Amino acid sequence: MKLLTHNMLKCNVKGVNNGYPLKIEVTTKEIRETEMNPAFLQGIVEKLEWPVFRAAAAQLGEEGLPEAVTPELLEQEDFLKKFHRALLEVVVVEGALICPESGRKFTITNGIPNMLLNEDEV
């Protein structure tokens, strides 16, 4: 699971009011290099919950992202490289996502989070 995915997921268990952001429990992570696309990064940044993304990146060992993103930063190659790495190259292969309210764990297997709910959770 990439942090791009994490930023968009929340716990939808019945009765949960605050299911975002999900906490990340990492068993295995990998760095999978991909080609950087500055235009994509510049466009996606406004769709992210930046504080959530930054905290998740730090939790996975990707330090040095700024507290806020400015238009000037989006033109700097060093920032774009750090952003790209954290957003698209760091992959949680095995682990879990944990609801901050209920504690419900959603497993991550082979990089895919299982967000399916049990019948009693719908």
N, C-alpha and C. Protein backbone atom coordinates (compact mmCIF):
# COMPACT_ATOMS: atom_id res chain seq x y z
N MET A 1 0.84 -1.16 0.00
CA MET A 1 0.00 0.00 0.00
C MET A 1 0.89 1.24 0.00
N LYS A 2 0.61 2.12 -0.90
CA LYS A 2 1.36 3.38 -0.98
C LYS A 2 0.66 4.43 -0.11
N LEU A 3 1.40 5.46 0.26
CA LEU A 3 0.81 6.50 1.09
C LEU A 3 -0.25 7.30 0.34
N LEU A 4 -0.21 7.29 -0.97
CA LEU A 4 -1.29 7.92 -1.74
C LEU A 4 -2.61 7.23 -1.41
N THR A 5 -2.59 5.90 -1.35
CA THR A 5 -3.79 5.14 -1.00
C THR A 5 -4.20 5.41 0.44
N HIS A 6 -3.24 5.35 1.35
CA HIS A 6 -3.53 5.56 2.77
C HIS A 6 -4.26 6.87 3.01
N ASN A 7 -3.86 7.91 2.31
CA ASN A 7 -4.42 9.24 2.51
C ASN A 7 -5.90 9.31 2.17
N MET A 8 -6.38 8.35 1.38
CA MET A 8 -7.77 8.39 0.92
C MET A 8 -8.67 7.38 1.61
N LEU A 9 -8.13 6.55 2.49
CA LEU A 9 -8.92 5.51 3.14
C LEU A 9 -9.40 5.95 4.52
N LYS A 10 -10.58 5.44 4.91
CA LYS A 10 -11.08 5.67 6.25
C LYS A 10 -11.89 4.46 6.69
N CYS A 11 -12.13 4.35 7.97
CA CYS A 11 -12.89 3.26 8.55
C CYS A 11 -14.38 3.57 8.40
N ASN A 12 -15.11 2.66 7.76
CA ASN A 12 -16.54 2.85 7.55
C ASN A 12 -17.39 1.88 8.37
N VAL A 13 -16.85 1.40 9.48
CA VAL A 13 -17.59 0.50 10.34
C VAL A 13 -18.79 1.25 10.94
N LYS A 14 -19.92 0.57 11.00
CA LYS A 14 -21.15 1.16 11.55
C LYS A 14 -20.87 1.72 12.95
N GLY A 15 -21.31 2.93 13.19
CA GLY A 15 -21.16 3.56 14.49
C GLY A 15 -19.87 4.35 14.67
N VAL A 16 -18.95 4.24 13.74
CA VAL A 16 -17.69 4.99 13.84
C VAL A 16 -17.90 6.38 13.26
N ASN A 17 -17.61 7.39 14.06
CA ASN A 17 -17.75 8.77 13.61
C ASN A 17 -16.43 9.36 13.13
N ASN A 18 -15.33 8.92 13.73
CA ASN A 18 -14.02 9.47 13.40
C ASN A 18 -13.10 8.34 12.96
N GLY A 19 -13.27 7.88 11.72
CA GLY A 19 -12.47 6.78 11.21
C GLY A 19 -11.30 7.21 10.35
N TYR A 20 -10.84 8.45 10.52
CA TYR A 20 -9.74 8.99 9.70
C TYR A 20 -8.87 9.89 10.56
N PRO A 21 -7.58 9.81 10.39
CA PRO A 21 -6.81 8.93 9.53
C PRO A 21 -6.55 7.58 10.21
N LEU A 22 -6.40 6.59 9.38
CA LEU A 22 -6.07 5.26 9.88
C LEU A 22 -4.61 5.22 10.31
N LYS A 23 -4.34 4.58 11.43
CA LYS A 23 -2.96 4.39 11.87
C LYS A 23 -2.35 3.26 11.05
N ILE A 24 -1.06 3.32 10.84
CA ILE A 24 -0.37 2.30 10.05
C ILE A 24 0.48 1.44 10.97
N GLU A 25 0.29 0.14 10.87
CA GLU A 25 1.12 -0.83 11.59
C GLU A 25 1.92 -1.57 10.50
N VAL A 26 3.23 -1.42 10.51
CA VAL A 26 4.06 -1.98 9.45
C VAL A 26 4.77 -3.24 9.93
N THR A 27 4.60 -4.31 9.16
CA THR A 27 5.37 -5.52 9.37
C THR A 27 6.53 -5.56 8.38
N THR A 28 6.20 -5.26 7.10
CA THR A 28 7.20 -5.24 6.03
C THR A 28 6.94 -4.05 5.13
N LYS A 29 7.99 -3.34 4.79
CA LYS A 29 7.87 -2.26 3.81
C LYS A 29 9.01 -2.38 2.81
N GLU A 30 8.81 -1.82 1.63
CA GLU A 30 9.81 -1.83 0.58
C GLU A 30 9.85 -0.46 -0.08
N ILE A 31 10.98 -0.20 -0.75
CA ILE A 31 11.08 0.97 -1.61
C ILE A 31 11.06 0.43 -3.04
N ARG A 32 10.06 0.85 -3.81
CA ARG A 32 9.93 0.42 -5.20
C ARG A 32 10.07 1.65 -6.08
N GLU A 33 11.22 1.78 -6.71
CA GLU A 33 11.50 2.97 -7.50
C GLU A 33 10.58 3.07 -8.71
N THR A 34 10.10 4.28 -8.92
CA THR A 34 9.26 4.60 -10.08
C THR A 34 9.73 5.91 -10.68
N GLU A 35 9.38 6.13 -11.92
CA GLU A 35 9.76 7.36 -12.59
C GLU A 35 8.95 8.52 -12.03
N MET A 36 9.62 9.63 -11.77
CA MET A 36 8.96 10.80 -11.20
C MET A 36 8.26 11.61 -12.29
N ASN A 37 7.04 12.04 -12.00
CA ASN A 37 6.26 12.87 -12.90
C ASN A 37 5.91 14.16 -12.16
N PRO A 38 6.70 15.23 -12.33
CA PRO A 38 6.45 16.48 -11.60
C PRO A 38 5.04 17.04 -11.79
N ALA A 39 4.48 16.94 -12.97
CA ALA A 39 3.13 17.47 -13.21
C ALA A 39 2.09 16.72 -12.37
N PHE A 40 2.23 15.40 -12.26
CA PHE A 40 1.33 14.63 -11.43
C PHE A 40 1.45 15.06 -9.97
N LEU A 41 2.67 15.19 -9.48
CA LEU A 41 2.90 15.58 -8.09
C LEU A 41 2.32 16.95 -7.80
N GLN A 42 2.51 17.88 -8.72
CA GLN A 42 1.99 19.24 -8.54
C GLN A 42 0.47 19.26 -8.52
N GLY A 43 -0.17 18.35 -9.25
CA GLY A 43 -1.62 18.29 -9.29
C GLY A 43 -2.23 17.55 -8.11
N ILE A 44 -1.57 16.51 -7.64
CA ILE A 44 -2.14 15.67 -6.59
C ILE A 44 -2.00 16.29 -5.20
N VAL A 45 -1.04 17.16 -5.02
CA VAL A 45 -0.78 17.70 -3.68
C VAL A 45 -2.00 18.39 -3.10
N GLU A 46 -2.79 19.05 -3.92
CA GLU A 46 -3.97 19.75 -3.39
C GLU A 46 -5.11 18.80 -3.04
N LYS A 47 -5.04 17.56 -3.48
CA LYS A 47 -6.06 16.57 -3.15
C LYS A 47 -5.73 15.80 -1.87
N LEU A 48 -4.51 15.95 -1.38
CA LEU A 48 -4.06 15.24 -0.18
C LEU A 48 -4.41 16.02 1.08
N GLU A 49 -4.65 15.29 2.14
CA GLU A 49 -4.68 15.89 3.47
C GLU A 49 -3.22 15.94 3.91
N TRP A 50 -2.55 17.06 3.66
CA TRP A 50 -1.10 17.14 3.83
C TRP A 50 -0.63 16.77 5.24
N PRO A 51 -1.23 17.27 6.31
CA PRO A 51 -0.75 16.89 7.65
C PRO A 51 -0.82 15.37 7.89
N VAL A 52 -1.86 14.73 7.37
CA VAL A 52 -2.01 13.28 7.51
C VAL A 52 -0.92 12.58 6.71
N PHE A 53 -0.71 13.03 5.49
CA PHE A 53 0.33 12.44 4.64
C PHE A 53 1.70 12.60 5.27
N ARG A 54 2.00 13.79 5.74
CA ARG A 54 3.30 14.07 6.35
C ARG A 54 3.55 13.19 7.58
N ALA A 55 2.54 13.03 8.41
CA ALA A 55 2.67 12.19 9.61
C ALA A 55 2.87 10.73 9.24
N ALA A 56 2.13 10.25 8.24
CA ALA A 56 2.28 8.86 7.80
C ALA A 56 3.67 8.63 7.19
N ALA A 57 4.14 9.59 6.42
CA ALA A 57 5.48 9.48 5.83
C ALA A 57 6.54 9.41 6.93
N ALA A 58 6.42 10.25 7.93
CA ALA A 58 7.38 10.24 9.04
C ALA A 58 7.34 8.91 9.78
N GLN A 59 6.14 8.36 9.95
CA GLN A 59 5.99 7.07 10.62
C GLN A 59 6.72 5.97 9.85
N LEU A 60 6.80 6.11 8.53
CA LEU A 60 7.48 5.12 7.70
C LEU A 60 8.94 5.48 7.44
N GLY A 61 9.45 6.47 8.17
CA GLY A 61 10.86 6.82 8.07
C GLY A 61 11.21 7.85 7.02
N GLU A 62 10.20 8.46 6.43
CA GLU A 62 10.44 9.48 5.40
C GLU A 62 10.33 10.86 6.04
N GLU A 63 11.43 11.31 6.58
CA GLU A 63 11.48 12.59 7.30
C GLU A 63 11.81 13.74 6.34
N GLY A 64 11.62 14.94 6.81
CA GLY A 64 12.07 16.11 6.06
C GLY A 64 11.03 16.75 5.17
N LEU A 65 9.79 16.28 5.22
CA LEU A 65 8.74 16.97 4.45
C LEU A 65 8.27 18.18 5.24
N PRO A 66 8.00 19.29 4.57
CA PRO A 66 7.62 20.53 5.26
C PRO A 66 6.22 20.44 5.86
N GLU A 67 5.94 21.33 6.80
CA GLU A 67 4.62 21.37 7.43
C GLU A 67 3.52 21.79 6.46
N ALA A 68 3.89 22.57 5.46
CA ALA A 68 2.93 23.02 4.45
C ALA A 68 3.64 23.08 3.10
N VAL A 69 2.85 23.01 2.04
CA VAL A 69 3.40 23.06 0.69
C VAL A 69 3.03 24.40 0.06
N THR A 70 4.01 25.06 -0.48
CA THR A 70 3.80 26.34 -1.16
C THR A 70 4.02 26.16 -2.66
N PRO A 71 3.51 27.08 -3.47
CA PRO A 71 3.76 26.99 -4.91
C PRO A 71 5.26 26.98 -5.24
N GLU A 72 6.05 27.69 -4.44
CA GLU A 72 7.49 27.72 -4.67
C GLU A 72 8.11 26.34 -4.46
N LEU A 73 7.66 25.63 -3.43
CA LEU A 73 8.17 24.28 -3.18
C LEU A 73 7.87 23.34 -4.33
N LEU A 74 6.71 23.50 -4.94
CA LEU A 74 6.31 22.63 -6.04
C LEU A 74 7.17 22.80 -7.28
N GLU A 75 8.01 23.80 -7.27
CA GLU A 75 8.95 24.01 -8.38
C GLU A 75 10.35 23.52 -8.05
N GLN A 76 10.59 23.11 -6.81
CA GLN A 76 11.93 22.69 -6.37
C GLN A 76 12.10 21.18 -6.54
N GLU A 77 13.12 20.80 -7.28
CA GLU A 77 13.36 19.39 -7.57
C GLU A 77 13.63 18.57 -6.31
N ASP A 78 14.37 19.13 -5.36
CA ASP A 78 14.65 18.39 -4.13
C ASP A 78 13.36 18.04 -3.38
N PHE A 79 12.44 19.00 -3.27
CA PHE A 79 11.17 18.73 -2.61
C PHE A 79 10.38 17.69 -3.39
N LEU A 80 10.30 17.84 -4.71
CA LEU A 80 9.52 16.90 -5.52
C LEU A 80 10.06 15.48 -5.39
N LYS A 81 11.38 15.33 -5.30
CA LYS A 81 11.98 14.00 -5.13
C LYS A 81 11.56 13.37 -3.79
N LYS A 82 11.62 14.16 -2.71
CA LYS A 82 11.20 13.65 -1.39
C LYS A 82 9.71 13.31 -1.39
N PHE A 83 8.91 14.18 -1.96
CA PHE A 83 7.47 13.99 -2.03
C PHE A 83 7.15 12.73 -2.84
N HIS A 84 7.78 12.59 -4.01
CA HIS A 84 7.57 11.43 -4.88
C HIS A 84 7.93 10.14 -4.16
N ARG A 85 9.08 10.14 -3.49
CA ARG A 85 9.51 8.92 -2.79
C ARG A 85 8.48 8.52 -1.74
N ALA A 86 8.08 9.47 -0.90
CA ALA A 86 7.14 9.16 0.18
C ALA A 86 5.76 8.76 -0.37
N LEU A 87 5.30 9.43 -1.40
CA LEU A 87 3.96 9.21 -1.93
C LEU A 87 3.85 7.92 -2.73
N LEU A 88 4.85 7.62 -3.56
CA LEU A 88 4.71 6.56 -4.55
C LEU A 88 5.73 5.42 -4.47
N GLU A 89 6.84 5.63 -3.79
CA GLU A 89 7.87 4.59 -3.78
C GLU A 89 7.91 3.77 -2.49
N VAL A 90 7.50 4.36 -1.38
CA VAL A 90 7.45 3.62 -0.12
C VAL A 90 6.17 2.79 -0.14
N VAL A 91 6.32 1.48 0.03
CA VAL A 91 5.18 0.57 -0.04
C VAL A 91 5.12 -0.28 1.22
N VAL A 92 3.98 -0.25 1.90
CA VAL A 92 3.73 -1.15 3.02
C VAL A 92 3.27 -2.46 2.40
N VAL A 93 4.11 -3.49 2.51
CA VAL A 93 3.82 -4.78 1.89
C VAL A 93 2.94 -5.62 2.81
N GLU A 94 3.28 -5.65 4.08
CA GLU A 94 2.53 -6.42 5.08
C GLU A 94 2.32 -5.53 6.29
N GLY A 95 1.15 -5.62 6.89
CA GLY A 95 0.87 -4.84 8.08
C GLY A 95 -0.63 -4.70 8.28
N ALA A 96 -1.02 -3.56 8.84
CA ALA A 96 -2.44 -3.32 9.09
C ALA A 96 -2.71 -1.82 9.15
N LEU A 97 -3.96 -1.47 8.88
CA LEU A 97 -4.47 -0.13 9.09
C LEU A 97 -5.43 -0.23 10.26
N ILE A 98 -5.32 0.72 11.19
CA ILE A 98 -6.09 0.63 12.43
C ILE A 98 -6.97 1.87 12.57
N CYS A 99 -8.26 1.62 12.80
CA CYS A 99 -9.22 2.70 13.00
C CYS A 99 -8.87 3.46 14.29
N PRO A 100 -8.77 4.79 14.22
CA PRO A 100 -8.40 5.56 15.42
C PRO A 100 -9.50 5.55 16.49
N GLU A 101 -10.73 5.28 16.11
CA GLU A 101 -11.83 5.30 17.06
C GLU A 101 -12.14 3.92 17.64
N SER A 102 -12.29 2.94 16.77
CA SER A 102 -12.73 1.61 17.22
C SER A 102 -11.58 0.64 17.46
N GLY A 103 -10.43 0.91 16.88
CA GLY A 103 -9.31 -0.02 16.99
C GLY A 103 -9.38 -1.17 16.00
N ARG A 104 -10.39 -1.19 15.14
CA ARG A 104 -10.56 -2.25 14.14
C ARG A 104 -9.35 -2.28 13.22
N LYS A 105 -8.78 -3.48 13.03
CA LYS A 105 -7.62 -3.64 12.16
C LYS A 105 -8.05 -4.15 10.79
N PHE A 106 -7.52 -3.51 9.77
CA PHE A 106 -7.69 -3.93 8.39
C PHE A 106 -6.31 -4.40 7.91
N THR A 107 -6.19 -5.66 7.54
CA THR A 107 -4.89 -6.20 7.17
C THR A 107 -4.42 -5.68 5.82
N ILE A 108 -3.10 -5.59 5.70
CA ILE A 108 -2.45 -5.28 4.43
C ILE A 108 -1.65 -6.53 4.07
N THR A 109 -1.97 -7.12 2.92
CA THR A 109 -1.30 -8.33 2.47
C THR A 109 -0.83 -8.11 1.03
N ASN A 110 0.43 -8.38 0.79
CA ASN A 110 1.01 -8.17 -0.55
C ASN A 110 0.76 -6.76 -1.06
N GLY A 111 0.77 -5.77 -0.14
CA GLY A 111 0.60 -4.38 -0.51
C GLY A 111 -0.83 -3.94 -0.71
N ILE A 112 -1.80 -4.82 -0.44
CA ILE A 112 -3.20 -4.50 -0.68
C ILE A 112 -3.95 -4.45 0.65
N PRO A 113 -4.52 -3.29 1.01
CA PRO A 113 -5.31 -3.23 2.24
C PRO A 113 -6.68 -3.87 2.03
N ASN A 114 -7.09 -4.69 2.97
CA ASN A 114 -8.41 -5.33 2.91
C ASN A 114 -9.36 -4.51 3.76
N MET A 115 -10.17 -3.70 3.11
CA MET A 115 -11.10 -2.80 3.80
C MET A 115 -12.52 -3.37 3.84
N LEU A 116 -12.68 -4.64 3.48
CA LEU A 116 -14.00 -5.26 3.50
C LEU A 116 -14.50 -5.36 4.94
N LEU A 117 -15.78 -5.09 5.12
CA LEU A 117 -16.38 -5.14 6.45
C LEU A 117 -17.08 -6.46 6.67
N ASN A 118 -17.12 -6.88 7.93
CA ASN A 118 -17.90 -8.06 8.30
C ASN A 118 -19.37 -7.67 8.27
N GLU A 119 -20.23 -8.66 8.18
CA GLU A 119 -21.67 -8.42 8.07
C GLU A 119 -22.20 -7.55 9.20
N ASP A 120 -21.71 -7.77 10.43
CA ASP A 120 -22.18 -7.01 11.58
C ASP A 120 -21.62 -5.59 11.65
N GLU A 121 -20.71 -5.25 10.76
CA GLU A 121 -20.08 -3.92 10.77
C GLU A 121 -20.73 -2.97 9.76
N VAL A 122 -21.63 -3.48 8.94
CA VAL A 122 -22.23 -2.67 7.88
C VAL A 122 -23.41 -1.90 8.43
